[in-house]
C-alpha cells in the first residue's frame, strides 16, 4: 500500500513539474510576443527615435507599429524615423496610413527614410532634408605664374574654368578640391587656403549651392586630362585668363582676388567638442609671433 502511494505521489509530482514547465514556456512566449510587438529603435539627443528595419525583425508590422507608437507617445518621444530598405517596401503603405511622410532617400538610393511628429499640441520640429549642395574649385598657380584651367564636356558654349566639382560625403573642402584637380588633370597638389565662396539659389534639384574656391600649391606639372569629362586642359598665363573671352566673370573675379593676396583663410583639423567627430575649422591663418620681452 505504501509503495502504491509513493508511485501515485511521484506521478502527481511529475505531472505538476510538466505543468510548471508548460506554464513557463507559455510565459516566455508571452514575454517574447510582447517584446516582438514593439520596435526598439535608437534614441537621439532631440527626444526622437530611429528604427532601422534591417536591424529589427517583425512578424506583424501593423501591430508592432501601433504598439510602438502608443509606447513612444507615453514616453514623450517627439520625432520618429523609419529606415525602410527596398526589400521592405511593402511596409510603406502601412506607415503612410499611420501618418508617416517621406523625408529623404539614402545616398545609394536603397533606403527610404520616413518620419512622423508625435506631439499633437506642437508644430513639427523635424527639419527638412539637406537643401544646400557643396562644391569646391581650385586656383592652382605654378612658379611661371600660370593657372591650371580646364574645359568641360556638356557645356552649351565652351568656357575655360577652374577645375572642381561636388564635395563627396564626409570629405573636407580642401581634400575635395585636391581630388577634383587630380581626377581632371592628374596634377598633384597640397592645400594652401580658402580664397572665397559663392552662394547660389535654385540650382540642381531646386537646392541652393555653395561653391568654395581653394588655393592649392601644385606638386607636379605634367597634365593628363580626364577624357570622360574634360575636353581640354592646360597651364594658362594668369593675365591671359583674366582677359580671355571664354572665361566668365565669376572665375575672373576669384583669380583676381587670389592674386590680390587677401588674408589667408587656413584650415585646421580638430575634433568637434560635442559630436566627437573630426572637423575642419576655417579662419584667418595664424601668424607666427616672436616674444620681444
C-alpha atoms as a PDB file:
ATOM      1  CA  UNK A   1       0.000   0.000   0.000  1.00  0.00           C
ATOM      2  CA  UNK A   2       2.785   2.348   0.928  1.00  0.00           C
ATOM      3  CA  UNK A   3       4.558   1.571  -2.353  1.00  0.00           C
ATOM      4  CA  UNK A   4       1.404   2.376  -4.316  1.00  0.00           C
ATOM      5  CA  UNK A   5       1.053   5.758  -2.578  1.00  0.00           C
ATOM      6  CA  UNK A   6       4.674   6.563  -3.357  1.00  0.00           C
ATOM      7  CA  UNK A   7       4.107   5.734  -7.029  1.00  0.00           C
ATOM      8  CA  UNK A   8       0.988   7.907  -7.097  1.00  0.00           C
ATOM      9  CA  UNK A   9       2.882  10.743  -5.386  1.00  0.00           C
ATOM     10  CA  UNK A  10       5.717  10.520  -7.895  1.00  0.00           C
ATOM     11  CA  UNK A  11       3.231  10.510 -10.773  1.00  0.00           C
ATOM     12  CA  UNK A  12       1.464  13.608  -9.432  1.00  0.00           C
ATOM     13  CA  UNK A  13       4.850  15.283  -8.840  1.00  0.00           C
ATOM     14  CA  UNK A  14       5.878  14.565 -12.437  1.00  0.00           C
ATOM     15  CA  UNK A  15       2.543  15.906 -13.700  1.00  0.00           C
ATOM     16  CA  UNK A  16       2.957  19.058 -11.615  1.00  0.00           C
ATOM     17  CA  UNK A  17       6.517  19.500 -12.926  1.00  0.00           C
ATOM     18  CA  UNK A  18       5.335  19.230 -16.541  1.00  0.00           C
ATOM     19  CA  UNK A  19       2.558  21.731 -15.844  1.00  0.00           C
ATOM     20  CA  UNK A  20       5.105  24.146 -14.405  1.00  0.00           C
ATOM     21  CA  UNK A  21       7.326  23.714 -17.479  1.00  0.00           C
ATOM     22  CA  UNK A  22       4.374  24.295 -19.804  1.00  0.00           C
ATOM     23  CA  UNK A  23       3.365  27.429 -17.880  1.00  0.00           C
ATOM     24  CA  UNK A  24       6.925  28.678 -18.041  1.00  0.00           C
ATOM     25  CA  UNK A  25       7.040  28.141 -21.813  1.00  0.00           C
ATOM     26  CA  UNK A  26       3.750  29.964 -22.243  1.00  0.00           C
ATOM     27  CA  UNK A  27       5.002  32.814 -20.068  1.00  0.00           C
ATOM     28  CA  UNK A  28       8.237  33.040 -22.063  1.00  0.00           C
ATOM     29  CA  UNK A  29       6.311  33.068 -25.324  1.00  0.00           C
ATOM     30  CA  UNK A  30       4.063  35.793 -23.941  1.00  0.00           C
ATOM     31  CA  UNK A  31       7.072  37.909 -22.937  1.00  0.00           C
ATOM     32  CA  UNK A  32       8.676  37.283 -26.327  1.00  0.00           C
ATOM     33  CA  UNK A  33       5.433  38.184 -28.096  1.00  0.00           C
ATOM     34  CA  UNK A  34       5.183  41.408 -26.124  1.00  0.00           C
ATOM     35  CA  UNK A  35       8.809  42.216 -26.867  1.00  0.00           C
ATOM     36  CA  UNK A  36       8.243  41.490 -30.533  1.00  0.00           C
ATOM     37  CA  UNK A  37       5.150  43.718 -30.529  1.00  0.00           C
ATOM     38  CA  UNK A  38       7.268  46.869 -30.207  1.00  0.00           C
ATOM     39  CA  UNK A  39      10.258  48.273 -32.043  1.00  0.00           C
ATOM     40  CA  UNK A  40      13.306  49.246 -30.012  1.00  0.00           C
ATOM     41  CA  UNK A  41      14.849  51.942 -32.178  1.00  0.00           C
ATOM     42  CA  UNK A  42      17.730  54.202 -31.291  1.00  0.00           C
ATOM     43  CA  UNK A  43      17.166  57.365 -29.255  1.00  0.00           C
ATOM     44  CA  UNK A  44      18.763  60.665 -30.251  1.00  0.00           C
ATOM     45  CA  UNK A  45      19.541  63.948 -28.466  1.00  0.00           C
ATOM     46  CA  UNK A  46      16.262  65.555 -29.553  1.00  0.00           C
ATOM     47  CA  UNK A  47      13.784  63.138 -27.921  1.00  0.00           C
ATOM     48  CA  UNK A  48      13.495  61.235 -31.166  1.00  0.00           C
ATOM     49  CA  UNK A  49      13.838  57.591 -32.092  1.00  0.00           C
ATOM     50  CA  UNK A  50      15.105  55.964 -35.297  1.00  0.00           C
ATOM     51  CA  UNK A  51      14.107  52.442 -36.310  1.00  0.00           C
ATOM     52  CA  UNK A  52      16.271  50.648 -38.851  1.00  0.00           C
ATOM     53  CA  UNK A  53      14.085  47.837 -40.160  1.00  0.00           C
ATOM     54  CA  UNK A  54      17.108  45.969 -41.487  1.00  0.00           C
ATOM     55  CA  UNK A  55      18.186  45.515 -37.843  1.00  0.00           C
ATOM     56  CA  UNK A  56      14.819  44.837 -36.196  1.00  0.00           C
ATOM     57  CA  UNK A  57      12.719  41.763 -37.079  1.00  0.00           C
ATOM     58  CA  UNK A  58       8.955  41.980 -37.366  1.00  0.00           C
ATOM     59  CA  UNK A  59       6.149  39.500 -37.937  1.00  0.00           C
ATOM     60  CA  UNK A  60       3.003  41.641 -37.834  1.00  0.00           C
ATOM     61  CA  UNK A  61       4.306  45.071 -38.827  1.00  0.00           C
ATOM     62  CA  UNK A  62       0.951  46.804 -38.378  1.00  0.00           C
ATOM     63  CA  UNK A  63       0.525  45.530 -34.803  1.00  0.00           C
ATOM     64  CA  UNK A  64       4.128  46.254 -33.821  1.00  0.00           C
ATOM     65  CA  UNK A  65       3.883  49.779 -35.215  1.00  0.00           C
ATOM     66  CA  UNK A  66       0.675  50.528 -33.318  1.00  0.00           C
ATOM     67  CA  UNK A  67       2.073  49.201 -30.033  1.00  0.00           C
ATOM     68  CA  UNK A  68       5.315  51.122 -30.538  1.00  0.00           C
ATOM     69  CA  UNK A  69       3.527  54.404 -31.263  1.00  0.00           C
ATOM     70  CA  UNK A  70       1.490  54.046 -28.057  1.00  0.00           C
ATOM     71  CA  UNK A  71       4.678  53.433 -26.053  1.00  0.00           C
ATOM     72  CA  UNK A  72       6.612  56.280 -27.711  1.00  0.00           C
ATOM     73  CA  UNK A  73       3.811  58.749 -27.068  1.00  0.00           C
ATOM     74  CA  UNK A  74       3.696  57.777 -23.391  1.00  0.00           C
ATOM     75  CA  UNK A  75       7.481  58.214 -23.249  1.00  0.00           C
ATOM     76  CA  UNK A  76       7.182  61.753 -24.706  1.00  0.00           C
ATOM     77  CA  UNK A  77       9.061  60.836 -27.874  1.00  0.00           C
ATOM     78  CA  UNK A  78       8.746  63.684 -30.385  1.00  0.00           C
ATOM     79  CA  UNK A  79      10.028  62.557 -33.766  1.00  0.00           C
ATOM     80  CA  UNK A  80      10.029  59.004 -35.151  1.00  0.00           C
ATOM     81  CA  UNK A  81      12.164  57.958 -38.117  1.00  0.00           C
ATOM     82  CA  UNK A  82      11.849  54.685 -40.025  1.00  0.00           C
ATOM     83  CA  UNK A  83      14.601  53.495 -42.370  1.00  0.00           C
ATOM     84  CA  UNK A  84      12.955  51.265 -44.970  1.00  0.00           C
ATOM     85  CA  UNK A  85      15.078  49.310 -47.465  1.00  0.00           C
ATOM     86  CA  UNK A  86      13.937  48.385 -50.970  1.00  0.00           C
ATOM     87  CA  UNK A  87      13.273  44.798 -49.872  1.00  0.00           C
ATOM     88  CA  UNK A  88      10.880  46.065 -47.167  1.00  0.00           C
ATOM     89  CA  UNK A  89       8.935  48.483 -49.357  1.00  0.00           C
ATOM     90  CA  UNK A  90       5.676  46.618 -48.603  1.00  0.00           C
ATOM     91  CA  UNK A  91       5.500  48.398 -45.214  1.00  0.00           C
ATOM     92  CA  UNK A  92       5.438  51.874 -46.777  1.00  0.00           C
ATOM     93  CA  UNK A  93       1.613  51.959 -47.203  1.00  0.00           C
ATOM     94  CA  UNK A  94       1.225  50.937 -43.540  1.00  0.00           C
ATOM     95  CA  UNK A  95       3.484  53.783 -42.423  1.00  0.00           C
ATOM     96  CA  UNK A  96       1.650  56.325 -44.572  1.00  0.00           C
ATOM     97  CA  UNK A  97      -1.722  55.223 -43.111  1.00  0.00           C
ATOM     98  CA  UNK A  98      -0.284  55.980 -39.664  1.00  0.00           C
ATOM     99  CA  UNK A  99       0.725  59.495 -40.667  1.00  0.00           C
ATOM    100  CA  UNK A 100       4.343  58.950 -41.700  1.00  0.00           C
ATOM    101  CA  UNK A 101       5.706  61.124 -44.509  1.00  0.00           C
ATOM    102  CA  UNK A 102       8.616  60.732 -46.923  1.00  0.00           C
ATOM    103  CA  UNK A 103      11.689  62.624 -45.731  1.00  0.00           C
ATOM    104  CA  UNK A 104      14.627  61.584 -47.914  1.00  0.00           C
ATOM    105  CA  UNK A 105      16.424  58.692 -49.579  1.00  0.00           C
ATOM    106  CA  UNK A 106      19.887  57.391 -48.672  1.00  0.00           C
ATOM    107  CA  UNK A 107      22.817  58.383 -50.858  1.00  0.00           C
ATOM    108  CA  UNK A 108      22.902  54.966 -52.539  1.00  0.00           C
ATOM    109  CA  UNK A 109      19.156  55.130 -53.251  1.00  0.00           C
ATOM    110  CA  UNK A 110      18.460  51.855 -51.410  1.00  0.00           C
ATOM    111  CA  UNK A 111      16.772  53.164 -48.254  1.00  0.00           C
ATOM    112  CA  UNK A 112      13.765  55.444 -47.808  1.00  0.00           C
ATOM    113  CA  UNK A 113      13.590  57.459 -44.576  1.00  0.00           C
ATOM    114  CA  UNK A 114      10.066  58.257 -43.350  1.00  0.00           C
ATOM    115  CA  UNK A 115       9.134  60.467 -40.392  1.00  0.00           C
ATOM    116  CA  UNK A 116       6.242  61.273 -38.057  1.00  0.00           C
ATOM    117  CA  UNK A 117       5.928  64.053 -35.474  1.00  0.00           C
ATOM    118  CA  UNK A 118       4.096  62.688 -32.416  1.00  0.00           C
ATOM    119  CA  UNK A 119       3.092  65.659 -30.189  1.00  0.00           C
ATOM    120  CA  UNK A 120      -0.342  66.763 -31.390  1.00  0.00           C
ATOM    121  CA  UNK A 121      -0.204  70.069 -29.497  1.00  0.00           C
ATOM    122  CA  UNK A 122       3.122  71.200 -31.029  1.00  0.00           C
ATOM    123  CA  UNK A 123       4.182  72.222 -34.505  1.00  0.00           C
ATOM    124  CA  UNK A 124       6.555  69.730 -36.090  1.00  0.00           C
ATOM    125  CA  UNK A 125      10.220  70.496 -35.457  1.00  0.00           C
ATOM    126  CA  UNK A 126      11.537  67.789 -37.788  1.00  0.00           C
ATOM    127  CA  UNK A 127      13.966  69.595 -40.118  1.00  0.00           C
ATOM    128  CA  UNK A 128      13.652  69.289 -43.867  1.00  0.00           C
ATOM    129  CA  UNK A 129      16.269  67.310 -45.727  1.00  0.00           C
ATOM    130  CA  UNK A 130      19.567  68.951 -46.770  1.00  0.00           C
ATOM    131  CA  UNK A 131      18.705  71.883 -49.043  1.00  0.00           C
ATOM    132  CA  UNK A 132      22.202  73.032 -49.997  1.00  0.00           C
ATOM    133  CA  UNK A 133      24.782  71.330 -52.190  1.00  0.00           C
ATOM    134  CA  UNK A 134      28.523  71.897 -51.657  1.00  0.00           C
ATOM    135  CA  UNK A 135      31.240  72.114 -54.289  1.00  0.00           C
ATOM    136  CA  UNK A 136      34.901  73.091 -54.440  1.00  0.00           C
ATOM    137  CA  UNK A 137      37.036  74.607 -57.177  1.00  0.00           C
ATOM    138  CA  UNK A 138      40.775  75.234 -57.176  1.00  0.00           C
ATOM    139  CA  UNK A 139      43.100  78.075 -58.059  1.00  0.00           C
ATOM    140  CA  UNK A 140      46.375  76.322 -58.898  1.00  0.00           C
ATOM    141  CA  UNK A 141      49.214  78.631 -59.967  1.00  0.00           C
ATOM    142  CA  UNK A 142      52.728  77.385 -60.768  1.00  0.00           C
ATOM    143  CA  UNK A 143      56.103  79.148 -60.470  1.00  0.00           C
ATOM    144  CA  UNK A 144      55.686  80.585 -64.002  1.00  0.00           C
ATOM    145  CA  UNK A 145      52.554  82.485 -62.951  1.00  0.00           C
ATOM    146  CA  UNK A 146      50.439  80.086 -64.971  1.00  0.00           C
ATOM    147  CA  UNK A 147      46.980  78.954 -63.926  1.00  0.00           C
ATOM    148  CA  UNK A 148      45.681  75.392 -64.265  1.00  0.00           C
ATOM    149  CA  UNK A 149      42.466  75.540 -66.328  1.00  0.00           C
ATOM    150  CA  UNK A 150      40.076  73.071 -67.942  1.00  0.00           C
ATOM    151  CA  UNK A 151      37.255  72.891 -70.477  1.00  0.00           C
ATOM    152  CA  UNK A 152      34.389  70.518 -69.705  1.00  0.00           C
ATOM    153  CA  UNK A 153      32.126  68.393 -71.868  1.00  0.00           C
ATOM    154  CA  UNK A 154      28.380  69.066 -71.865  1.00  0.00           C
ATOM    155  CA  UNK A 155      28.637  72.856 -71.917  1.00  0.00           C
ATOM    156  CA  UNK A 156      26.304  74.869 -74.155  1.00  0.00           C
ATOM    157  CA  UNK A 157      29.271  77.101 -75.005  1.00  0.00           C
ATOM    158  CA  UNK A 158      32.985  76.471 -74.379  1.00  0.00           C
ATOM    159  CA  UNK A 159      34.429  78.000 -71.219  1.00  0.00           C
ATOM    160  CA  UNK A 160      37.858  77.883 -69.645  1.00  0.00           C
ATOM    161  CA  UNK A 161      37.279  77.356 -65.947  1.00  0.00           C
ATOM    162  CA  UNK A 162      38.906  76.313 -62.702  1.00  0.00           C
ATOM    163  CA  UNK A 163      38.982  72.555 -62.059  1.00  0.00           C
ATOM    164  CA  UNK A 164      36.488  71.446 -59.435  1.00  0.00           C
ATOM    165  CA  UNK A 165      33.244  69.668 -58.633  1.00  0.00           C
ATOM    166  CA  UNK A 166      30.982  68.324 -55.887  1.00  0.00           C
ATOM    167  CA  UNK A 167      32.242  67.575 -52.387  1.00  0.00           C
ATOM    168  CA  UNK A 168      31.691  63.898 -51.565  1.00  0.00           C
ATOM    169  CA  UNK A 169      30.093  62.740 -48.276  1.00  0.00           C
ATOM    170  CA  UNK A 170      32.483  63.019 -45.292  1.00  0.00           C
ATOM    171  CA  UNK A 171      35.064  64.846 -47.447  1.00  0.00           C
ATOM    172  CA  UNK A 172      36.805  68.044 -46.344  1.00  0.00           C
ATOM    173  CA  UNK A 173      36.607  71.011 -48.710  1.00  0.00           C
ATOM    174  CA  UNK A 174      40.351  71.137 -49.298  1.00  0.00           C
ATOM    175  CA  UNK A 175      40.506  67.386 -49.909  1.00  0.00           C
ATOM    176  CA  UNK A 176      37.634  67.646 -52.386  1.00  0.00           C
ATOM    177  CA  UNK A 177      39.454  70.353 -54.358  1.00  0.00           C
ATOM    178  CA  UNK A 178      42.669  68.283 -54.424  1.00  0.00           C
ATOM    179  CA  UNK A 179      40.758  65.191 -55.565  1.00  0.00           C
ATOM    180  CA  UNK A 180      38.959  67.054 -58.356  1.00  0.00           C
ATOM    181  CA  UNK A 181      42.218  68.555 -59.632  1.00  0.00           C
ATOM    182  CA  UNK A 182      43.882  65.130 -59.613  1.00  0.00           C
ATOM    183  CA  UNK A 183      40.935  63.438 -61.354  1.00  0.00           C
ATOM    184  CA  UNK A 184      40.551  66.088 -64.042  1.00  0.00           C
ATOM    185  CA  UNK A 185      44.207  66.916 -64.771  1.00  0.00           C
ATOM    186  CA  UNK A 186      46.422  64.368 -62.923  1.00  0.00           C
ATOM    187  CA  UNK A 187      48.147  67.282 -61.156  1.00  0.00           C
ATOM    188  CA  UNK A 188      49.040  66.567 -57.535  1.00  0.00           C
ATOM    189  CA  UNK A 189      48.575  69.462 -55.114  1.00  0.00           C
ATOM    190  CA  UNK A 190      48.599  70.449 -51.473  1.00  0.00           C
ATOM    191  CA  UNK A 191      46.128  72.677 -49.624  1.00  0.00           C
ATOM    192  CA  UNK A 192      47.088  76.324 -49.096  1.00  0.00           C
ATOM    193  CA  UNK A 193      43.994  78.345 -48.156  1.00  0.00           C
ATOM    194  CA  UNK A 194      40.355  79.147 -48.873  1.00  0.00           C
ATOM    195  CA  UNK A 195      40.077  82.109 -51.252  1.00  0.00           C
ATOM    196  CA  UNK A 196      36.327  82.790 -51.418  1.00  0.00           C
ATOM    197  CA  UNK A 197      32.933  81.152 -51.906  1.00  0.00           C
ATOM    198  CA  UNK A 198      29.728  81.907 -53.760  1.00  0.00           C
ATOM    199  CA  UNK A 199      26.178  81.117 -52.636  1.00  0.00           C
ATOM    200  CA  UNK A 200      23.587  80.446 -55.364  1.00  0.00           C
ATOM    201  CA  UNK A 201      19.900  79.556 -55.068  1.00  0.00           C
ATOM    202  CA  UNK A 202      17.590  77.450 -57.263  1.00  0.00           C
ATOM    203  CA  UNK A 203      20.437  75.278 -58.542  1.00  0.00           C
ATOM    204  CA  UNK A 204      20.362  71.497 -59.225  1.00  0.00           C
ATOM    205  CA  UNK A 205      17.260  69.710 -57.861  1.00  0.00           C
ATOM    206  CA  UNK A 206      15.957  73.084 -56.650  1.00  0.00           C
ATOM    207  CA  UNK A 207      18.666  73.225 -53.956  1.00  0.00           C
ATOM    208  CA  UNK A 208      20.876  76.126 -53.023  1.00  0.00           C
ATOM    209  CA  UNK A 209      24.542  75.719 -53.896  1.00  0.00           C
ATOM    210  CA  UNK A 210      27.725  76.855 -52.118  1.00  0.00           C
ATOM    211  CA  UNK A 211      30.937  76.663 -54.110  1.00  0.00           C
ATOM    212  CA  UNK A 212      34.263  77.135 -52.288  1.00  0.00           C
ATOM    213  CA  UNK A 213      37.330  78.398 -54.126  1.00  0.00           C
ATOM    214  CA  UNK A 214      40.505  76.918 -52.673  1.00  0.00           C
ATOM    215  CA  UNK A 215      44.135  77.892 -53.316  1.00  0.00           C
ATOM    216  CA  UNK A 216      46.271  74.812 -53.969  1.00  0.00           C
ATOM    217  CA  UNK A 217      50.005  74.529 -54.481  1.00  0.00           C
ATOM    218  CA  UNK A 218      50.979  72.303 -57.439  1.00  0.00           C
ATOM    219  CA  UNK A 219      53.349  69.428 -56.710  1.00  0.00           C
ATOM    220  CA  UNK A 220      53.599  68.252 -60.343  1.00  0.00           C
ATOM    221  CA  UNK A 221      53.480  69.838 -63.819  1.00  0.00           C
ATOM    222  CA  UNK A 222      52.533  67.244 -66.442  1.00  0.00           C
ATOM    223  CA  UNK A 223      48.845  67.317 -67.314  1.00  0.00           C
ATOM    224  CA  UNK A 224      46.888  64.189 -68.249  1.00  0.00           C
ATOM    225  CA  UNK A 225      43.269  65.230 -68.741  1.00  0.00           C
ATOM    226  CA  UNK A 226      40.287  63.059 -67.854  1.00  0.00           C
ATOM    227  CA  UNK A 227      38.792  62.171 -71.246  1.00  0.00           C
ATOM    228  CA  UNK A 228      35.435  61.322 -69.661  1.00  0.00           C
ATOM    229  CA  UNK A 229      34.716  64.893 -68.518  1.00  0.00           C
ATOM    230  CA  UNK A 230      37.413  67.240 -69.828  1.00  0.00           C
ATOM    231  CA  UNK A 231      37.832  68.282 -73.454  1.00  0.00           C
ATOM    232  CA  UNK A 232      40.988  70.310 -72.838  1.00  0.00           C
ATOM    233  CA  UNK A 233      43.310  71.323 -70.005  1.00  0.00           C
ATOM    234  CA  UNK A 234      46.463  73.410 -69.840  1.00  0.00           C
ATOM    235  CA  UNK A 235      48.597  75.885 -67.933  1.00  0.00           C
ATOM    236  CA  UNK A 236      47.454  79.378 -68.977  1.00  0.00           C
ATOM    237  CA  UNK A 237      49.134  82.671 -68.143  1.00  0.00           C
ATOM    238  CA  UNK A 238      47.154  84.407 -65.431  1.00  0.00           C
ATOM    239  CA  UNK A 239      46.902  87.640 -67.464  1.00  0.00           C
ATOM    240  CA  UNK A 240      45.551  85.712 -70.442  1.00  0.00           C
ATOM    241  CA  UNK A 241      42.932  84.042 -68.250  1.00  0.00           C
ATOM    242  CA  UNK A 242      41.814  87.370 -66.767  1.00  0.00           C
ATOM    243  CA  UNK A 243      41.227  88.759 -70.274  1.00  0.00           C
ATOM    244  CA  UNK A 244      40.100  85.657 -72.139  1.00  0.00           C
ATOM    245  CA  UNK A 245      36.664  85.920 -73.845  1.00  0.00           C
ATOM    246  CA  UNK A 246      35.867  82.320 -72.902  1.00  0.00           C
ATOM    247  CA  UNK A 247      36.114  82.925 -69.134  1.00  0.00           C
ATOM    248  CA  UNK A 248      33.046  84.053 -67.208  1.00  0.00           C
ATOM    249  CA  UNK A 249      33.201  86.891 -64.709  1.00  0.00           C
ATOM    250  CA  UNK A 250      32.950  84.772 -61.544  1.00  0.00           C
ATOM    251  CA  UNK A 251      36.136  82.852 -62.348  1.00  0.00           C
ATOM    252  CA  UNK A 252      37.946  86.029 -63.328  1.00  0.00           C
ATOM    253  CA  UNK A 253      36.955  87.596 -60.005  1.00  0.00           C
ATOM    254  CA  UNK A 254      38.095  84.578 -57.981  1.00  0.00           C
ATOM    255  CA  UNK A 255      41.542  84.553 -59.607  1.00  0.00           C
ATOM    256  CA  UNK A 256      41.837  88.320 -59.336  1.00  0.00           C
ATOM    257  CA  UNK A 257      41.062  88.230 -55.605  1.00  0.00           C
ATOM    258  CA  UNK A 258      43.548  85.442 -55.143  1.00  0.00           C
ATOM    259  CA  UNK A 259      46.268  87.471 -56.887  1.00  0.00           C
ATOM    260  CA  UNK A 260      45.492  90.499 -54.727  1.00  0.00           C
ATOM    261  CA  UNK A 261      46.846  88.440 -51.811  1.00  0.00           C
ATOM    262  CA  UNK A 262      43.875  88.658 -49.443  1.00  0.00           C
ATOM    263  CA  UNK A 263      44.037  87.464 -45.859  1.00  0.00           C
ATOM    264  CA  UNK A 264      44.577  83.716 -45.982  1.00  0.00           C
ATOM    265  CA  UNK A 265      41.729  81.550 -44.706  1.00  0.00           C
ATOM    266  CA  UNK A 266      43.528  78.458 -43.486  1.00  0.00           C
ATOM    267  CA  UNK A 267      42.078  75.120 -42.395  1.00  0.00           C
ATOM    268  CA  UNK A 268      42.722  73.480 -39.038  1.00  0.00           C
ATOM    269  CA  UNK A 269      41.867  69.891 -38.140  1.00  0.00           C
ATOM    270  CA  UNK A 270      40.096  69.283 -34.831  1.00  0.00           C
ATOM    271  CA  UNK A 271      37.526  67.140 -33.035  1.00  0.00           C
ATOM    272  CA  UNK A 272      34.026  68.516 -32.516  1.00  0.00           C
ATOM    273  CA  UNK A 273      33.593  69.094 -28.747  1.00  0.00           C
ATOM    274  CA  UNK A 274      30.051  67.677 -28.646  1.00  0.00           C
ATOM    275  CA  UNK A 275      29.749  65.246 -31.569  1.00  0.00           C
ATOM    276  CA  UNK A 276      33.296  63.914 -31.044  1.00  0.00           C
ATOM    277  CA  UNK A 277      33.734  63.578 -34.821  1.00  0.00           C
ATOM    278  CA  UNK A 278      36.597  65.010 -36.900  1.00  0.00           C
ATOM    279  CA  UNK A 279      36.027  68.566 -38.113  1.00  0.00           C
ATOM    280  CA  UNK A 280      37.890  71.203 -40.085  1.00  0.00           C
ATOM    281  CA  UNK A 281      37.837  74.824 -38.919  1.00  0.00           C
ATOM    282  CA  UNK A 282      38.494  77.691 -41.349  1.00  0.00           C
ATOM    283  CA  UNK A 283      39.621  81.146 -40.234  1.00  0.00           C
ATOM    284  CA  UNK A 284      42.431  83.648 -40.986  1.00  0.00           C
ATOM    285  CA  UNK A 285      45.808  81.989 -40.849  1.00  0.00           C
ATOM    286  CA  UNK A 286      47.607  82.179 -37.535  1.00  0.00           C
ATOM    287  CA  UNK A 287      50.699  84.359 -37.719  1.00  0.00           C
ATOM    288  CA  UNK A 288      53.902  83.307 -36.018  1.00  0.00           C
ATOM    289  CA  UNK A 289      54.870  85.865 -33.404  1.00  0.00           C
ATOM    290  CA  UNK A 290      58.170  86.322 -31.623  1.00  0.00           C
ATOM    291  CA  UNK A 291      58.247  87.171 -27.929  1.00  0.00           C
ATOM    292  CA  UNK A 292      60.074  90.506 -27.743  1.00  0.00           C
ATOM    293  CA  UNK A 293      60.366  90.592 -23.982  1.00  0.00           C
END
